[in-house]
């Protein structure tokens, strides 16, 4: 699995109408991420996962929201498995193990709240 990160100057995106699905592209056999906002209070990051790509189980010290903007994914939180489709979201509580895997190619917005 390859993970490619893209950073963007948030000021270039500010004060305009944007389509989230247009801000990150799929790449074969890879996960692509693009940080939209990175502040002390939290982050806003877009991800594009090719089919069957995923993030292995890990924990984070902060609450996070996964909002699926395209495709379908399986999200694991502690001992629970959820299938999310376009337009659906889940809150991942701080300090709970979680992972995710692309059922089909999918894009998501990750909102992490640090305070």
C-alpha atoms as a PDB file:
ATOM      1  CA  UNK A   1       0.000   0.000   0.000  1.00  0.00           C
ATOM      2  CA  UNK A   2       1.229   3.438  -0.861  1.00  0.00           C
ATOM      3  CA  UNK A   3       0.063   6.526   0.995  1.00  0.00           C
ATOM      4  CA  UNK A   4       0.520   9.859  -0.724  1.00  0.00           C
ATOM      5  CA  UNK A   5      -0.017  13.064   1.241  1.00  0.00           C
ATOM      6  CA  UNK A   6      -0.910  16.387  -0.291  1.00  0.00           C
ATOM      7  CA  UNK A   7      -0.807  19.621   1.677  1.00  0.00           C
ATOM      8  CA  UNK A   8      -2.722  22.666   0.631  1.00  0.00           C
ATOM      9  CA  UNK A   9      -2.689  26.256   1.715  1.00  0.00           C
ATOM     10  CA  UNK A  10      -6.109  26.614   3.356  1.00  0.00           C
ATOM     11  CA  UNK A  11      -6.230  30.267   2.344  1.00  0.00           C
ATOM     12  CA  UNK A  12      -6.415  29.188  -1.328  1.00  0.00           C
ATOM     13  CA  UNK A  13      -9.625  27.277  -0.564  1.00  0.00           C
ATOM     14  CA  UNK A  14     -11.237  29.807   1.765  1.00  0.00           C
ATOM     15  CA  UNK A  15     -14.384  31.763   0.916  1.00  0.00           C
ATOM     16  CA  UNK A  16     -15.410  29.761  -2.141  1.00  0.00           C
ATOM     17  CA  UNK A  17     -17.801  26.939  -2.981  1.00  0.00           C
ATOM     18  CA  UNK A  18     -15.962  23.634  -3.334  1.00  0.00           C
ATOM     19  CA  UNK A  19     -16.938  20.030  -4.102  1.00  0.00           C
ATOM     20  CA  UNK A  20     -15.131  17.751  -1.657  1.00  0.00           C
ATOM     21  CA  UNK A  21     -14.992  14.900  -4.168  1.00  0.00           C
ATOM     22  CA  UNK A  22     -13.032  17.117  -6.574  1.00  0.00           C
ATOM     23  CA  UNK A  23     -10.295  17.979  -4.070  1.00  0.00           C
ATOM     24  CA  UNK A  24      -8.641  14.538  -3.916  1.00  0.00           C
ATOM     25  CA  UNK A  25      -8.173  11.936  -6.668  1.00  0.00           C
ATOM     26  CA  UNK A  26      -8.057   8.150  -6.597  1.00  0.00           C
ATOM     27  CA  UNK A  27      -4.783   6.431  -7.362  1.00  0.00           C
ATOM     28  CA  UNK A  28      -4.479   2.733  -8.197  1.00  0.00           C
ATOM     29  CA  UNK A  29      -3.300   0.622  -5.254  1.00  0.00           C
ATOM     30  CA  UNK A  30      -2.917   3.630  -2.989  1.00  0.00           C
ATOM     31  CA  UNK A  31      -4.416   5.883  -0.364  1.00  0.00           C
ATOM     32  CA  UNK A  32      -4.204   9.582  -1.120  1.00  0.00           C
ATOM     33  CA  UNK A  33      -4.735  12.199   1.582  1.00  0.00           C
ATOM     34  CA  UNK A  34      -5.008  15.958   1.395  1.00  0.00           C
ATOM     35  CA  UNK A  35      -4.925  18.115   4.511  1.00  0.00           C
ATOM     36  CA  UNK A  36      -7.325  21.036   4.174  1.00  0.00           C
ATOM     37  CA  UNK A  37      -6.967  22.510   7.676  1.00  0.00           C
ATOM     38  CA  UNK A  38      -4.337  21.767  10.313  1.00  0.00           C
ATOM     39  CA  UNK A  39      -4.850  23.837  13.453  1.00  0.00           C
ATOM     40  CA  UNK A  40      -4.162  23.434  17.148  1.00  0.00           C
ATOM     41  CA  UNK A  41      -7.892  22.744  17.697  1.00  0.00           C
ATOM     42  CA  UNK A  42      -8.107  20.036  15.016  1.00  0.00           C
ATOM     43  CA  UNK A  43      -7.666  18.902  11.436  1.00  0.00           C
ATOM     44  CA  UNK A  44      -9.742  18.463   8.304  1.00  0.00           C
ATOM     45  CA  UNK A  45      -8.323  15.858   5.918  1.00  0.00           C
ATOM     46  CA  UNK A  46      -9.674  14.313   2.710  1.00  0.00           C
ATOM     47  CA  UNK A  47      -8.788  10.740   1.795  1.00  0.00           C
ATOM     48  CA  UNK A  48      -9.224   8.685  -1.383  1.00  0.00           C
ATOM     49  CA  UNK A  49      -8.840   4.905  -0.940  1.00  0.00           C
ATOM     50  CA  UNK A  50      -8.493   2.500  -3.829  1.00  0.00           C
ATOM     51  CA  UNK A  51     -10.551  -0.702  -3.496  1.00  0.00           C
ATOM     52  CA  UNK A  52      -9.380  -2.970  -0.659  1.00  0.00           C
ATOM     53  CA  UNK A  53      -6.965  -0.362   0.711  1.00  0.00           C
ATOM     54  CA  UNK A  54      -7.320   0.564   4.360  1.00  0.00           C
ATOM     55  CA  UNK A  55      -5.856   1.839   7.589  1.00  0.00           C
ATOM     56  CA  UNK A  56      -4.817  -0.768  10.135  1.00  0.00           C
ATOM     57  CA  UNK A  57      -6.137  -0.722  13.676  1.00  0.00           C
ATOM     58  CA  UNK A  58      -4.856   2.150  15.792  1.00  0.00           C
ATOM     59  CA  UNK A  59      -6.028   4.548  18.493  1.00  0.00           C
ATOM     60  CA  UNK A  60      -6.069   8.322  18.662  1.00  0.00           C
ATOM     61  CA  UNK A  61      -6.292  10.521  21.742  1.00  0.00           C
ATOM     62  CA  UNK A  62      -9.007  12.659  20.135  1.00  0.00           C
ATOM     63  CA  UNK A  63     -12.562  12.208  18.869  1.00  0.00           C
ATOM     64  CA  UNK A  64     -12.854  12.027  15.087  1.00  0.00           C
ATOM     65  CA  UNK A  65     -15.640  11.986  12.507  1.00  0.00           C
ATOM     66  CA  UNK A  66     -15.476   9.982   9.287  1.00  0.00           C
ATOM     67  CA  UNK A  67     -17.869  11.284   6.623  1.00  0.00           C
ATOM     68  CA  UNK A  68     -18.044   9.218   3.406  1.00  0.00           C
ATOM     69  CA  UNK A  69     -18.358  11.429   0.328  1.00  0.00           C
ATOM     70  CA  UNK A  70     -18.040   8.696  -2.344  1.00  0.00           C
ATOM     71  CA  UNK A  71     -18.117   4.897  -2.431  1.00  0.00           C
ATOM     72  CA  UNK A  72     -18.377   2.460   0.455  1.00  0.00           C
ATOM     73  CA  UNK A  73     -16.162   1.493   3.406  1.00  0.00           C
ATOM     74  CA  UNK A  74     -16.138  -0.803   6.377  1.00  0.00           C
ATOM     75  CA  UNK A  75     -15.238   0.929   9.634  1.00  0.00           C
ATOM     76  CA  UNK A  76     -14.224  -0.995  12.722  1.00  0.00           C
ATOM     77  CA  UNK A  77     -14.510   0.656  16.146  1.00  0.00           C
ATOM     78  CA  UNK A  78     -13.557  -1.509  19.124  1.00  0.00           C
ATOM     79  CA  UNK A  79     -15.521  -4.736  18.489  1.00  0.00           C
ATOM     80  CA  UNK A  80     -18.099  -3.148  16.183  1.00  0.00           C
ATOM     81  CA  UNK A  81     -18.149  -3.180  12.368  1.00  0.00           C
ATOM     82  CA  UNK A  82     -20.108  -0.622  10.315  1.00  0.00           C
ATOM     83  CA  UNK A  83     -20.612  -0.286   6.561  1.00  0.00           C
ATOM     84  CA  UNK A  84     -20.750   3.330   5.499  1.00  0.00           C
ATOM     85  CA  UNK A  85     -21.904   4.620   2.121  1.00  0.00           C
ATOM     86  CA  UNK A  86     -21.864   8.029   0.499  1.00  0.00           C
ATOM     87  CA  UNK A  87     -23.533  10.598   2.750  1.00  0.00           C
ATOM     88  CA  UNK A  88     -23.088   8.595   5.953  1.00  0.00           C
ATOM     89  CA  UNK A  89     -20.798   9.319   8.890  1.00  0.00           C
ATOM     90  CA  UNK A  90     -19.603   7.835  12.141  1.00  0.00           C
ATOM     91  CA  UNK A  91     -18.056   9.357  15.252  1.00  0.00           C
ATOM     92  CA  UNK A  92     -14.943   7.502  16.394  1.00  0.00           C
ATOM     93  CA  UNK A  93     -14.440   8.089  20.126  1.00  0.00           C
ATOM     94  CA  UNK A  94     -11.024   8.981  21.498  1.00  0.00           C
ATOM     95  CA  UNK A  95      -8.850   6.118  22.758  1.00  0.00           C
ATOM     96  CA  UNK A  96     -10.981   3.389  21.121  1.00  0.00           C
ATOM     97  CA  UNK A  97      -9.189   1.142  18.606  1.00  0.00           C
ATOM     98  CA  UNK A  98     -10.424   1.706  15.075  1.00  0.00           C
ATOM     99  CA  UNK A  99      -9.581   0.733  11.486  1.00  0.00           C
ATOM    100  CA  UNK A 100     -11.149   1.011   8.058  1.00  0.00           C
ATOM    101  CA  UNK A 101     -11.110  -0.717   4.700  1.00  0.00           C
ATOM    102  CA  UNK A 102     -12.432   0.225   1.273  1.00  0.00           C
ATOM    103  CA  UNK A 103     -15.211  -2.102   0.095  1.00  0.00           C
ATOM    104  CA  UNK A 104     -15.162  -0.169  -3.175  1.00  0.00           C
ATOM    105  CA  UNK A 105     -13.089   2.881  -3.995  1.00  0.00           C
ATOM    106  CA  UNK A 106     -14.152   5.495  -1.504  1.00  0.00           C
ATOM    107  CA  UNK A 107     -13.451   9.041  -0.406  1.00  0.00           C
ATOM    108  CA  UNK A 108     -13.908  10.390   3.085  1.00  0.00           C
ATOM    109  CA  UNK A 109     -13.541  13.567   5.037  1.00  0.00           C
ATOM    110  CA  UNK A 110     -11.834  13.051   8.411  1.00  0.00           C
ATOM    111  CA  UNK A 111     -12.543  15.682  11.034  1.00  0.00           C
ATOM    112  CA  UNK A 112     -10.379  15.387  14.119  1.00  0.00           C
ATOM    113  CA  UNK A 113     -11.133  17.539  17.150  1.00  0.00           C
ATOM    114  CA  UNK A 114      -8.165  18.049  19.433  1.00  0.00           C
ATOM    115  CA  UNK A 115      -9.753  20.200  22.116  1.00  0.00           C
END
